[in-house]
N, C-alpha and C. Protein backbone atom coordinates (compact mmCIF):
# COMPACT_ATOMS: atom_id res chain seq x y z
N MET A 1 1.31 -1.06 0.28
CA MET A 1 0.26 0.07 -0.01
C MET A 1 0.82 1.01 -0.09
N THR A 2 0.57 1.75 -0.82
CA THR A 2 1.67 3.78 -0.95
C THR A 2 1.02 4.38 -0.24
N ARG A 3 1.82 5.43 0.29
CA ARG A 3 1.55 6.08 1.65
C ARG A 3 0.13 7.04 1.29
N ALA A 4 0.15 7.62 0.01
CA ALA A 4 -1.22 8.22 -0.33
C ALA A 4 -2.51 7.03 -0.05
N ALA A 5 -2.24 6.16 -0.20
CA ALA A 5 -3.25 5.07 -0.75
C ALA A 5 -3.58 5.00 1.65
N GLY A 6 -2.90 4.64 2.21
CA GLY A 6 -2.46 4.89 3.43
C GLY A 6 -3.52 5.73 4.09
N ILE A 7 -3.13 6.73 3.27
CA ILE A 7 -3.56 8.06 4.05
C ILE A 7 -5.08 7.85 4.09
N ASP A 8 -5.49 7.89 2.03
CA ASP A 8 -7.04 7.78 1.88
C ASP A 8 -7.60 6.99 2.60
N ALA A 9 -7.33 5.54 2.65
CA ALA A 9 -7.84 4.54 3.25
C ALA A 9 -8.07 4.90 5.10
N GLY A 10 -7.94 5.29 6.22
CA GLY A 10 -7.41 6.16 7.36
C GLY A 10 -8.28 7.22 7.12
N LEU A 11 -8.68 7.75 6.35
CA LEU A 11 -9.93 9.28 6.28
C LEU A 11 -10.91 8.62 6.65
N ARG A 12 -11.49 9.24 7.90
CA ARG A 12 -12.42 8.35 8.53
C ARG A 12 -13.67 10.11 9.10
N GLY A 13 -14.53 10.22 8.14
CA GLY A 13 -14.78 11.78 8.51
C GLY A 13 -16.08 11.68 10.12
N HIS A 14 -15.67 12.48 11.15
CA HIS A 14 -16.37 12.14 12.55
C HIS A 14 -17.27 13.98 13.03
N GLY A 15 -17.76 13.91 11.98
CA GLY A 15 -19.20 14.51 12.55
C GLY A 15 -18.34 15.82 11.40
N ASP A 16 -17.82 17.24 11.75
CA ASP A 16 -16.57 18.15 11.20
C ASP A 16 -15.40 17.74 11.38
N SER A 17 -14.76 17.45 12.51
CA SER A 17 -13.28 17.20 11.95
C SER A 17 -13.58 15.64 11.39
N ALA A 18 -11.88 15.25 10.99
CA ALA A 18 -11.24 14.30 10.37
C ALA A 18 -10.15 13.44 10.81
N THR A 19 -10.02 12.54 10.98
CA THR A 19 -9.06 11.84 11.61
C THR A 19 -8.64 11.47 10.65
N ILE A 20 -7.29 11.41 10.45
CA ILE A 20 -6.17 11.12 9.29
C ILE A 20 -4.80 10.03 10.06
N ALA A 21 -5.67 8.67 9.57
CA ALA A 21 -4.18 7.52 10.65
C ALA A 21 -3.40 7.50 9.17
N VAL A 22 -2.35 7.21 9.18
CA VAL A 22 -1.53 6.83 8.16
C VAL A 22 -0.69 5.65 8.24
N VAL A 23 -0.81 4.77 7.19
CA VAL A 23 -0.24 3.19 7.56
C VAL A 23 1.27 3.34 6.78
N THR A 24 2.00 3.11 7.73
CA THR A 24 3.11 3.12 7.31
C THR A 24 3.94 1.37 7.50
N ASN A 25 5.02 1.07 7.23
CA ASN A 25 5.40 -0.31 7.53
C ASN A 25 6.74 0.23 8.70
N GLU A 26 7.07 1.45 8.85
CA GLU A 26 8.17 2.05 9.84
C GLU A 26 7.69 1.50 11.04
N SER A 27 9.18 1.13 11.97
CA SER A 27 8.74 0.65 13.10
C SER A 27 8.26 1.87 13.91
N PRO A 28 7.23 2.33 14.82
CA PRO A 28 7.17 3.17 16.15
C PRO A 28 7.64 3.57 16.56
N LYS A 29 7.56 5.00 16.79
CA LYS A 29 8.92 5.66 17.29
C LYS A 29 8.54 5.66 18.74
N GLY A 30 7.42 5.46 19.32
CA GLY A 30 7.31 5.39 20.26
C GLY A 30 7.96 6.38 21.67
N LEU A 31 8.19 6.47 22.99
CA LEU A 31 8.37 7.47 23.83
C LEU A 31 9.79 7.92 23.28
N GLY A 32 10.76 7.77 21.90
CA GLY A 32 11.72 8.24 21.81
C GLY A 32 11.28 9.85 21.29
N ASP A 33 9.90 9.74 20.06
CA ASP A 33 9.69 11.19 20.02
C ASP A 33 8.72 12.33 20.66
N SER A 34 9.75 12.98 21.37
CA SER A 34 9.53 13.79 22.72
C SER A 34 7.52 14.63 22.56
N ALA A 35 7.35 14.51 20.94
CA ALA A 35 6.02 15.15 21.10
C ALA A 35 4.68 13.75 21.71
N TYR A 36 4.96 12.72 20.88
CA TYR A 36 3.93 11.77 21.30
C TYR A 36 4.33 11.25 23.26
N ALA A 37 5.81 11.56 23.45
CA ALA A 37 6.36 10.78 24.46
C ALA A 37 5.52 11.72 25.83
N ALA A 38 5.33 13.22 25.57
CA ALA A 38 4.52 14.47 26.14
C ALA A 38 3.20 13.47 26.80
N PHE A 39 2.38 13.59 25.34
CA PHE A 39 1.53 13.11 25.18
C PHE A 39 0.95 11.72 26.06
N ALA A 40 1.60 10.47 25.68
CA ALA A 40 1.51 9.62 26.32
C ALA A 40 1.35 9.50 27.83
N TRP A 41 2.64 10.28 28.34
CA TRP A 41 2.86 10.67 29.95
C TRP A 41 1.60 11.81 30.48
N GLN A 42 1.25 12.49 29.46
CA GLN A 42 -0.11 13.00 30.40
C GLN A 42 -1.56 12.25 30.00
N ARG A 43 -1.32 11.38 29.25
CA ARG A 43 -2.58 10.58 29.27
C ARG A 43 -2.26 9.60 30.66
N PHE A 44 -1.02 9.18 30.99
CA PHE A 44 -0.70 8.50 32.18
C PHE A 44 -1.04 9.32 33.56
N ARG A 45 -0.72 10.41 33.68
CA ARG A 45 -1.03 11.25 34.27
C ARG A 45 -2.56 11.53 35.06
N THR A 46 -3.09 11.41 33.82
CA THR A 46 -4.89 11.65 33.68
C THR A 46 -5.23 10.78 34.48
N ILE A 47 -4.90 9.70 33.94
CA ILE A 47 -5.48 8.21 34.19
C ILE A 47 -5.53 7.99 35.78
N LEU A 48 -4.10 8.32 36.36
CA LEU A 48 -3.84 8.19 37.90
C LEU A 48 -4.34 9.13 38.32
N ALA A 49 -4.52 10.34 38.08
CA ALA A 49 -5.56 11.26 38.72
C ALA A 49 -7.22 10.53 39.02
N TRP A 50 -7.43 10.03 37.92
CA TRP A 50 -8.73 9.66 38.29
C TRP A 50 -8.38 8.82 38.85
N MET A 51 -7.78 7.65 39.26
CA MET A 51 -7.86 6.53 39.61
C MET A 51 -7.20 6.98 41.17
N ILE A 52 -6.80 8.22 41.90
CA ILE A 52 -6.52 8.77 43.22
C ILE A 52 -8.13 8.97 43.56
N VAL A 53 -8.56 9.76 42.73
CA VAL A 53 -9.85 10.27 43.37
C VAL A 53 -11.02 9.16 43.14
N ALA A 54 -10.90 7.91 43.03
CA ALA A 54 -11.50 6.85 42.98
C ALA A 54 -10.98 6.10 44.21
N GLY A 55 -10.23 5.96 44.32
CA GLY A 55 -9.32 5.36 45.78
C GLY A 55 -10.04 6.59 47.00
N ALA A 56 -10.17 7.67 46.73
CA ALA A 56 -10.39 8.69 47.87
C ALA A 56 -11.52 8.52 48.13
N ALA A 57 -12.45 8.05 47.11
CA ALA A 57 -14.27 7.85 46.96
C ALA A 57 -14.36 6.57 47.96
N CYS A 58 -13.88 6.00 47.27
CA CYS A 58 -13.86 4.10 48.46
C CYS A 58 -13.30 4.17 49.63
N SER A 59 -12.55 5.11 49.89
CA SER A 59 -12.14 5.28 50.98
C SER A 59 -13.24 6.05 52.05
N ALA A 60 -13.63 6.93 51.19
CA ALA A 60 -14.23 7.78 52.17
C ALA A 60 -15.70 6.69 52.29
N GLY A 61 -16.05 6.01 51.22
CA GLY A 61 -17.30 5.17 51.56
C GLY A 61 -17.17 3.95 52.46
N VAL A 62 -15.80 3.73 52.44
CA VAL A 62 -15.39 2.21 53.31
C VAL A 62 -15.82 3.12 54.52
N ILE A 63 -14.77 4.40 54.86
CA ILE A 63 -15.31 4.84 56.44
C ILE A 63 -16.34 5.16 57.25
N VAL A 64 -17.14 5.39 56.27
CA VAL A 64 -18.59 5.89 56.66
C VAL A 64 -19.54 4.97 56.85
N VAL A 65 -19.28 3.46 55.84
CA VAL A 65 -20.04 2.62 56.07
C VAL A 65 -19.44 1.55 57.83
N MET A 66 -17.98 1.76 57.99
CA MET A 66 -17.58 1.16 59.63
C MET A 66 -18.05 1.99 60.53
N ALA A 67 -17.95 3.67 60.24
CA ALA A 67 -18.40 4.35 61.40
C ALA A 67 -19.79 4.10 61.94
N HIS A 68 -20.70 3.54 60.40
CA HIS A 68 -22.06 3.43 60.83
C HIS A 68 -22.17 2.06 61.30
N LEU A 69 -21.56 1.07 61.20
CA LEU A 69 -21.63 -0.10 61.55
C LEU A 69 -21.08 -0.24 62.95
N GLN A 70 -19.64 0.36 63.24
CA GLN A 70 -19.10 0.30 64.58
C GLN A 70 -18.99 1.38 65.34
N GLY A 71 -19.28 2.40 64.97
CA GLY A 71 -19.28 3.68 66.13
C GLY A 71 -17.70 4.61 65.65
N PRO A 72 -18.05 5.71 66.63
CA PRO A 72 -16.99 6.22 65.91
C PRO A 72 -15.43 5.67 65.89
N LEU A 73 -14.81 5.99 65.01
CA LEU A 73 -13.59 5.43 64.30
C LEU A 73 -12.50 6.09 65.16
N HIS A 74 -11.46 5.89 65.42
CA HIS A 74 -10.02 5.84 65.84
C HIS A 74 -9.38 6.78 64.76
N ARG A 75 -8.70 8.22 64.71
CA ARG A 75 -7.42 8.18 63.48
C ARG A 75 -6.85 7.29 62.64
N ILE A 76 -6.30 6.41 64.05
CA ILE A 76 -5.31 5.75 62.92
C ILE A 76 -5.72 4.46 62.28
N THR A 77 -7.56 4.06 62.75
CA THR A 77 -8.08 3.11 62.01
C THR A 77 -8.82 3.77 60.71
N MET A 78 -8.86 5.21 60.63
CA MET A 78 -9.16 5.56 59.37
C MET A 78 -7.90 5.33 58.62
N PHE A 79 -6.48 6.18 59.28
CA PHE A 79 -5.65 6.32 58.57
C PHE A 79 -4.89 4.85 57.54
N ALA A 80 -5.29 3.69 58.53
CA ALA A 80 -5.65 2.75 57.92
C ALA A 80 -6.64 2.17 56.37
N ILE A 81 -7.34 2.60 56.82
CA ILE A 81 -8.38 2.55 55.66
C ILE A 81 -7.84 2.97 54.53
N LEU A 82 -7.56 4.46 54.64
CA LEU A 82 -7.29 5.35 53.51
C LEU A 82 -5.95 4.69 52.75
N GLY A 83 -4.67 4.27 53.75
CA GLY A 83 -3.65 3.56 53.13
C GLY A 83 -3.79 1.86 52.17
N GLY A 84 -4.90 1.49 53.20
CA GLY A 84 -5.19 -0.42 52.34
C GLY A 84 -5.96 0.02 51.34
N VAL A 85 -7.12 0.85 51.06
CA VAL A 85 -8.27 0.62 50.52
C VAL A 85 -7.89 1.88 49.05
N GLY A 86 -7.62 3.09 49.32
CA GLY A 86 -6.99 3.78 48.99
C GLY A 86 -5.81 3.62 47.91
N GLY A 87 -4.86 3.18 48.66
CA GLY A 87 -3.49 2.30 48.14
C GLY A 87 -3.58 1.75 47.19
N SER A 88 -4.95 0.47 47.58
CA SER A 88 -4.39 -0.20 46.68
C SER A 88 -5.21 -0.01 45.01
N VAL A 89 -6.48 0.72 45.41
CA VAL A 89 -7.14 0.80 44.22
C VAL A 89 -6.20 2.11 43.41
N THR A 90 -4.86 3.43 44.25
CA THR A 90 -4.68 3.75 43.24
C THR A 90 -3.31 3.11 42.84
N MET A 91 -2.79 1.92 43.71
CA MET A 91 -1.53 1.05 42.52
C MET A 91 -2.44 0.06 41.65
N ALA A 92 -3.28 -0.02 41.73
CA ALA A 92 -4.31 -0.89 40.40
C ALA A 92 -4.50 0.13 39.22
N GLY A 93 -4.61 1.57 39.41
CA GLY A 93 -4.79 2.50 38.53
C GLY A 93 -3.42 2.96 37.86
N ALA A 94 -2.39 3.23 38.74
CA ALA A 94 -1.01 2.76 38.32
C ALA A 94 -0.60 2.23 36.97
N LEU A 95 -0.46 0.78 37.56
CA LEU A 95 -0.36 -0.41 36.32
C LEU A 95 -1.13 -0.44 35.56
N MET A 96 -2.64 -0.30 35.81
CA MET A 96 -3.02 -0.30 34.46
C MET A 96 -3.08 0.94 33.67
N GLY A 97 -2.07 2.10 34.09
CA GLY A 97 -1.93 3.20 33.17
C GLY A 97 -0.76 2.69 32.93
N LEU A 98 0.73 2.27 33.34
CA LEU A 98 1.58 2.24 32.55
C LEU A 98 1.14 0.66 31.94
N ALA A 99 0.76 0.12 32.05
CA ALA A 99 0.21 -1.34 30.56
C ALA A 99 0.09 -0.49 29.98
N PHE A 100 -1.20 0.41 29.58
CA PHE A 100 -1.66 1.38 28.49
C PHE A 100 -0.36 2.48 27.64
N LEU A 101 0.37 2.61 28.72
CA LEU A 101 1.12 2.95 28.39
C LEU A 101 2.17 2.99 27.20
N SER A 102 2.52 1.47 28.05
CA SER A 102 3.32 0.78 27.12
C SER A 102 2.72 0.17 25.97
N SER A 103 1.64 -0.43 26.28
CA SER A 103 1.14 -0.45 24.67
C SER A 103 0.85 0.28 23.48
N GLY A 104 0.55 1.52 23.99
CA GLY A 104 0.26 2.99 23.47
C GLY A 104 1.22 3.16 22.75
N SER A 105 2.76 3.20 23.10
CA SER A 105 3.79 3.89 22.84
C SER A 105 4.69 2.75 21.87
N GLY A 106 3.81 1.45 21.98
CA GLY A 106 4.80 0.41 20.66
C GLY A 106 6.03 -0.38 21.43
N HIS A 107 6.10 0.04 22.73
CA HIS A 107 7.22 -0.86 23.44
C HIS A 107 6.66 -2.36 23.54
N ASP A 108 5.15 -2.71 23.10
CA ASP A 108 5.38 -3.97 23.45
C ASP A 108 5.90 -5.01 21.86
N GLU A 109 5.30 -4.03 20.98
CA GLU A 109 5.53 -4.82 19.42
C GLU A 109 6.90 -4.67 19.26
N ASP A 110 8.13 -3.63 19.90
CA ASP A 110 9.33 -3.84 19.59
C ASP A 110 9.73 -5.12 20.76
N VAL A 111 9.41 -5.38 21.77
CA VAL A 111 9.59 -6.52 22.53
C VAL A 111 9.46 -7.61 21.12
N GLU A 112 8.41 -7.56 20.68
CA GLU A 112 8.12 -8.77 19.45
C GLU A 112 8.91 -8.58 18.31
N ARG A 113 9.37 -8.12 17.87
CA ARG A 113 10.26 -7.43 17.19
C ARG A 113 11.68 -8.04 17.31
N ILE A 114 11.75 -8.06 18.21
CA ILE A 114 13.62 -8.16 18.99
C ILE A 114 13.53 -9.83 18.94
N ASP A 115 11.97 -10.33 19.57
CA ASP A 115 12.50 -11.64 19.56
C ASP A 115 12.38 -12.23 18.24
N ALA A 116 11.56 -12.25 17.31
CA ALA A 116 11.14 -12.80 16.02
C ALA A 116 12.56 -12.77 15.87
N PRO A 117 12.64 -14.09 14.92
CA PRO A 117 14.17 -14.07 13.93
C PRO A 117 13.79 -13.56 12.56
């Protein structure tokens, strides 16, 4: 497929805007391309920020439920809930974000290219 044919095949209209996908046989630049690296890391930070918000919401919900069931909670109990529940949700979000970063930047495909004979 020629470069022009790849551009024409990748042109898809979405309302008033259009997305162009260029199909080439070149290996992806990944995080070596500074513009794409900035985009990929910003996407990771966005995912992580939303997961921190979700972790805080889950922790607050658990604190409220435990306070309702057991009465007033000690400060150390609340910190333990924040660390356990909030930390687990945030860590899951960080690992998920890094998996998306690795896959989206072409690092997974680079490993397959190195291993292939």
